[in-house]
Amino acid sequence: MNGVKKVAVLKGGPSLERQVSLRSGAHAQEALMRLGHEVLALDVGPELVPELRAVQALMEAIGIPYTGSGPAACASCTDKVLAKYLMREAGVPTLEFHFLREESIRHLGAAAAVADIEARLGFPLVVKPASQGSALGVKFARSSEELPGAMVGAFSYDDNILIERYAKGRDLAVSVLDGAADGAAASAPPGREGGAARGAPFALPVVEAVPREEAFYDYESRYQIGMTTFACPAELDAHTAARAQELALEVYGLLG
């Protein structure tokens, strides 16, 4: 941020996560203003930027620096189906899955689709819209009777859905930073010797989200104060924590 005096904060937009973006954008705006920067806050609509990755592509084309992921990463990470295929082809461990288009259901019929999915994956299953975040549209199906309703629920958010084999576990997150800023020495996470060279990605400690009332980490658990307890670092043995960080770095490199 050295020498930068004017900073634009893009927030809001037309997506279902608009309110989340407005809040996080406001926090970024306040922090930048406290640092003495001149801040221009923009509520981004479809008439200004038709899709997320277009922002980064535009900034790169006209030579304006920006924070966050680049166009390729936005394209691969906002499409769960594409991300799953990339991970599977690269040998990254990921749950078995099936991809469906709403158009396919209209042509083949729900009964045929359900039978095919049951044969491929079994039950229970998790059904998700391909392009939504914040757990929006996530549904669970424990049997073939529950699957059509779960699919309809997910299709209400997206024309494409991802169906995954369910695995009971804990909700862990690992953030990855792409090296130190302004030439400062980057500190490595515990267990990583020698620190991180400038520009070398490194994983932060594992964080666990533990919802207090809901069965899984849903939209309300993510954004309503007091609904979730966060443990940082997560209570894991050293091997499991290191493996989680290793996988995070691998996926970070794969998806851009």
Protein backbone atom coordinates (compact mmCIF):
# COMPACT_ATOMS: atom_id res chain seq x y z
CA MET A 1 0.00 0.00 0.00
CA ASN A 2 3.04 2.32 0.00
CA GLY A 3 2.30 5.50 -1.97
CA VAL A 4 -1.32 4.55 -2.63
CA LYS A 5 -3.65 7.39 -1.69
CA LYS A 6 -6.81 6.60 -3.64
CA VAL A 7 -8.43 3.21 -3.19
CA ALA A 8 -11.71 1.97 -4.66
CA VAL A 9 -13.72 -0.56 -2.66
CA LEU A 10 -16.13 -2.58 -4.80
CA LYS A 11 -18.98 -4.09 -2.81
CA GLY A 12 -22.62 -5.13 -2.98
CA GLY A 13 -23.66 -6.19 -6.45
CA PRO A 14 -26.76 -8.11 -7.53
CA SER A 15 -25.92 -11.57 -6.16
CA LEU A 16 -27.67 -13.37 -3.30
CA GLU A 17 -24.66 -12.55 -1.12
CA ARG A 18 -25.17 -8.81 -1.59
CA GLN A 19 -25.67 -8.02 2.11
CA VAL A 20 -22.55 -9.97 3.06
CA SER A 21 -20.54 -8.03 0.48
CA LEU A 22 -21.90 -4.69 1.67
CA ARG A 23 -20.88 -5.44 5.26
CA SER A 24 -17.41 -6.74 4.44
CA GLY A 25 -16.85 -3.88 2.00
CA ALA A 26 -17.81 -1.36 4.67
CA HIS A 27 -15.26 -2.89 7.06
CA ALA A 28 -12.55 -2.62 4.40
CA GLN A 29 -13.53 0.98 3.69
CA GLU A 30 -13.34 1.93 7.36
CA ALA A 31 -9.93 0.28 7.78
CA LEU A 32 -8.49 2.04 4.73
CA MET A 33 -9.80 5.41 5.90
CA ARG A 34 -8.18 4.88 9.31
CA LEU A 35 -4.89 4.34 7.49
CA GLY A 36 -5.26 7.74 5.84
CA HIS A 37 -6.29 6.67 2.35
CA GLU A 38 -8.86 8.38 0.18
CA VAL A 39 -11.56 5.76 -0.40
CA LEU A 40 -14.15 5.53 -3.15
CA ALA A 41 -16.87 2.99 -2.33
CA LEU A 42 -18.77 1.55 -5.30
CA ASP A 43 -21.89 -0.61 -5.15
CA VAL A 44 -21.21 -2.78 -8.18
CA GLY A 45 -24.20 -3.66 -10.36
CA PRO A 46 -24.49 -5.85 -13.48
CA GLU A 47 -24.48 -2.77 -15.69
CA LEU A 48 -20.96 -1.94 -14.43
CA VAL A 49 -19.40 -5.39 -14.13
CA PRO A 50 -21.30 -8.36 -15.64
CA GLU A 51 -19.34 -11.02 -13.74
CA LEU A 52 -16.81 -11.24 -10.93
CA ARG A 53 -13.68 -12.13 -12.89
CA ALA A 54 -14.27 -9.24 -15.32
CA VAL A 55 -13.19 -6.82 -12.57
CA GLN A 56 -9.72 -8.31 -12.24
CA ALA A 57 -9.31 -8.67 -16.01
CA LEU A 58 -10.21 -5.00 -16.46
CA MET A 59 -7.79 -3.89 -13.75
CA GLU A 60 -4.97 -5.88 -15.32
CA ALA A 61 -5.74 -4.51 -18.78
CA ILE A 62 -5.47 -0.88 -17.65
CA GLY A 63 -2.64 -1.43 -15.17
CA ILE A 64 -4.42 -0.75 -11.88
CA PRO A 65 -3.26 -2.87 -8.90
CA TYR A 66 -5.91 -4.77 -6.94
CA THR A 67 -6.12 -7.19 -4.04
CA GLY A 68 -7.43 -10.73 -4.04
CA SER A 69 -7.54 -13.49 -6.62
CA GLY A 70 -7.01 -13.06 -10.35
CA PRO A 71 -9.44 -13.81 -13.20
CA ALA A 72 -8.44 -17.48 -13.59
CA ALA A 73 -8.85 -18.21 -9.88
CA CYS A 74 -12.24 -16.51 -9.78
CA ALA A 75 -13.41 -18.56 -12.76
CA SER A 76 -12.33 -21.89 -11.26
CA CYS A 77 -13.21 -21.23 -7.61
CA THR A 78 -16.70 -19.83 -8.18
CA ASP A 79 -17.67 -22.91 -10.19
CA LYS A 80 -17.77 -25.87 -7.78
CA VAL A 81 -18.11 -28.39 -10.61
CA LEU A 82 -15.06 -27.08 -12.47
CA ALA A 83 -13.06 -26.99 -9.23
CA LYS A 84 -14.02 -30.60 -8.45
CA TYR A 85 -12.97 -31.83 -11.89
CA LEU A 86 -9.65 -29.98 -11.64
CA MET A 87 -8.94 -31.48 -8.22
CA ARG A 88 -9.87 -34.98 -9.29
CA GLU A 89 -7.70 -34.82 -12.40
CA ALA A 90 -4.78 -33.51 -10.33
CA GLY A 91 -5.10 -36.34 -7.81
CA VAL A 92 -6.21 -34.10 -4.94
CA PRO A 93 -8.45 -36.13 -2.59
CA THR A 94 -12.06 -35.02 -2.97
CA LEU A 95 -15.41 -36.69 -2.40
CA GLU A 96 -17.06 -38.55 -5.27
CA PHE A 97 -19.55 -36.38 -7.12
CA HIS A 98 -22.03 -36.06 -9.96
CA PHE A 99 -22.89 -33.00 -12.04
CA LEU A 100 -26.38 -32.23 -13.35
CA ARG A 101 -27.86 -29.53 -15.55
CA GLU A 102 -31.50 -28.56 -15.12
CA GLU A 103 -31.91 -29.07 -18.86
CA SER A 104 -30.82 -32.70 -18.48
CA ILE A 105 -33.54 -33.33 -15.91
CA ARG A 106 -36.16 -32.00 -18.32
CA HIS A 107 -34.97 -34.36 -21.06
CA LEU A 108 -34.19 -37.48 -19.02
CA GLY A 109 -36.71 -37.15 -16.22
CA ALA A 110 -36.09 -36.99 -12.48
CA ALA A 111 -36.63 -40.73 -11.93
CA ALA A 112 -33.85 -41.72 -14.34
CA ALA A 113 -31.50 -39.13 -12.85
CA VAL A 114 -32.17 -40.31 -9.29
CA ALA A 115 -31.57 -43.96 -10.24
CA ASP A 116 -28.28 -43.07 -11.95
CA ILE A 117 -27.07 -40.99 -9.00
CA GLU A 118 -27.98 -43.72 -6.51
CA ALA A 119 -26.04 -46.27 -8.55
CA ARG A 120 -22.99 -44.00 -8.77
CA LEU A 121 -22.85 -42.51 -5.29
CA GLY A 122 -25.29 -44.19 -2.93
CA PHE A 123 -26.68 -42.29 0.06
CA PRO A 124 -26.52 -39.99 2.00
CA LEU A 125 -25.73 -37.11 -0.37
CA VAL A 126 -25.15 -33.37 -0.32
CA VAL A 127 -26.72 -31.32 -3.12
CA LYS A 128 -25.36 -27.84 -3.94
CA PRO A 129 -25.84 -25.11 -6.54
CA ALA A 130 -22.71 -24.99 -8.71
CA SER A 131 -22.00 -21.30 -8.31
CA GLN A 132 -23.37 -20.04 -4.99
CA GLY A 133 -21.37 -19.30 -1.85
CA SER A 134 -22.15 -19.04 1.88
CA ALA A 135 -23.88 -22.47 1.86
CA LEU A 136 -26.85 -20.99 -0.03
CA GLY A 137 -29.03 -23.72 -1.53
CA VAL A 138 -27.20 -26.61 0.15
CA LYS A 139 -29.54 -29.56 0.73
CA PHE A 140 -29.11 -33.06 2.15
CA ALA A 141 -30.67 -36.29 0.90
CA ARG A 142 -30.60 -39.48 2.97
CA SER A 143 -32.60 -41.55 0.48
CA SER A 144 -33.92 -41.67 -3.08
CA GLU A 145 -37.21 -40.25 -1.77
CA GLU A 146 -35.46 -37.12 -0.46
CA LEU A 147 -33.20 -36.54 -3.46
CA PRO A 148 -35.74 -34.97 -5.90
CA GLY A 149 -36.71 -32.32 -3.33
CA ALA A 150 -33.07 -31.55 -2.60
CA MET A 151 -32.38 -31.19 -6.32
CA VAL A 152 -35.33 -28.84 -6.80
CA GLY A 153 -34.07 -26.73 -3.89
CA ALA A 154 -30.57 -26.47 -5.36
CA PHE A 155 -31.88 -25.79 -8.87
CA SER A 156 -33.78 -22.80 -7.48
CA TYR A 157 -30.36 -21.14 -7.03
CA ASP A 158 -28.56 -22.29 -10.19
CA ASP A 159 -29.15 -24.10 -13.49
CA ASN A 160 -26.26 -26.44 -12.63
CA ILE A 161 -25.92 -28.46 -9.44
CA LEU A 162 -23.24 -30.55 -7.77
CA ILE A 163 -24.17 -33.76 -5.95
CA GLU A 164 -21.53 -35.14 -3.60
CA ARG A 165 -21.23 -38.20 -1.43
CA TYR A 166 -21.79 -37.10 2.17
CA ALA A 167 -18.95 -37.47 4.66
CA LYS A 168 -19.45 -36.68 8.32
CA GLY A 169 -16.66 -34.52 9.66
CA ARG A 170 -15.55 -31.16 11.02
CA ASP A 171 -15.69 -27.80 9.24
CA LEU A 172 -12.07 -26.71 8.82
CA ALA A 173 -10.70 -23.75 6.87
CA VAL A 174 -7.14 -22.89 5.86
CA SER A 175 -6.38 -19.46 4.41
CA VAL A 176 -3.40 -19.09 2.08
CA LEU A 177 -1.42 -15.88 1.63
CA ASP A 178 0.73 -15.26 -1.41
CA GLY A 179 3.91 -14.14 0.32
CA ALA A 180 4.88 -10.94 2.12
CA ALA A 181 3.84 -7.46 1.06
CA ASP A 182 6.27 -4.60 0.44
CA GLY A 183 9.28 -6.83 0.94
CA ALA A 184 8.48 -7.54 4.59
CA ALA A 185 9.48 -10.95 5.88
CA ALA A 186 6.56 -13.34 5.89
CA SER A 187 6.08 -15.43 8.98
CA ALA A 188 5.47 -19.10 8.39
CA PRO A 189 2.82 -21.12 10.23
CA PRO A 190 3.89 -23.35 13.14
CA GLY A 191 5.95 -26.28 11.95
CA ARG A 192 7.18 -24.58 8.80
CA GLU A 193 10.88 -23.89 9.18
CA GLY A 194 12.77 -20.96 7.78
CA GLY A 195 9.80 -18.67 7.18
CA ALA A 196 8.36 -17.94 3.74
CA ALA A 197 10.26 -16.24 0.98
CA ARG A 198 8.74 -13.11 -0.48
CA GLY A 199 6.06 -14.12 -2.95
CA ALA A 200 5.93 -17.76 -1.81
CA PRO A 201 2.42 -18.85 -0.78
CA PHE A 202 2.08 -20.05 2.79
CA ALA A 203 -0.80 -21.48 4.80
CA LEU A 204 -2.15 -19.88 7.96
CA PRO A 205 -3.19 -22.00 10.96
CA VAL A 206 -6.26 -24.21 10.58
CA VAL A 207 -9.53 -22.68 11.81
CA GLU A 208 -12.53 -24.77 12.85
CA ALA A 209 -16.11 -23.46 12.72
CA VAL A 210 -18.46 -25.08 15.25
CA PRO A 211 -22.13 -24.05 14.80
CA ARG A 212 -23.94 -23.79 18.13
CA GLU A 213 -27.48 -24.59 16.99
CA GLU A 214 -27.52 -25.80 13.39
CA ALA A 215 -26.51 -29.25 12.17
CA PHE A 216 -24.06 -27.76 9.68
CA TYR A 217 -22.32 -24.47 8.94
CA ASP A 218 -25.18 -22.81 7.04
CA TYR A 219 -25.81 -19.20 6.01
CA GLU A 220 -27.23 -18.13 9.38
CA SER A 221 -24.38 -19.80 11.26
CA ARG A 222 -21.87 -17.90 9.14
CA TYR A 223 -23.27 -14.41 9.49
CA GLN A 224 -25.39 -14.13 12.64
CA ILE A 225 -23.35 -13.07 15.64
CA GLY A 226 -23.11 -15.74 18.31
CA MET A 227 -24.30 -18.62 16.11
CA THR A 228 -20.83 -20.15 15.65
CA THR A 229 -17.75 -20.69 17.78
CA PHE A 230 -14.39 -20.48 16.01
CA ALA A 231 -11.29 -22.30 17.21
CA CYS A 232 -7.97 -20.93 15.95
CA PRO A 233 -5.88 -22.91 15.78
CA ALA A 234 -8.22 -25.88 15.52
CA GLU A 235 -7.72 -28.67 18.03
CA LEU A 236 -5.94 -31.14 15.76
CA ASP A 237 -2.91 -33.33 16.12
CA ALA A 238 0.21 -31.99 14.41
CA HIS A 239 0.04 -34.45 11.51
CA THR A 240 -3.59 -33.64 10.66
CA ALA A 241 -3.02 -29.88 10.89
CA ALA A 242 0.05 -30.10 8.65
CA ARG A 243 -1.85 -32.25 6.14
CA ALA A 244 -4.71 -29.72 6.02
CA GLN A 245 -2.23 -26.91 5.31
CA GLU A 246 -0.47 -29.02 2.69
CA LEU A 247 -3.75 -29.69 0.87
CA ALA A 248 -4.71 -26.01 1.06
CA LEU A 249 -1.45 -25.02 -0.62
CA GLU A 250 -1.89 -27.71 -3.27
CA VAL A 251 -5.41 -26.56 -4.14
CA TYR A 252 -4.30 -22.92 -4.06
CA GLY A 253 -1.66 -23.65 -6.66
CA LEU A 254 -4.04 -25.74 -8.75
CA LEU A 255 -6.93 -23.27 -8.91
CA GLY A 256 -4.80 -20.18 -9.41
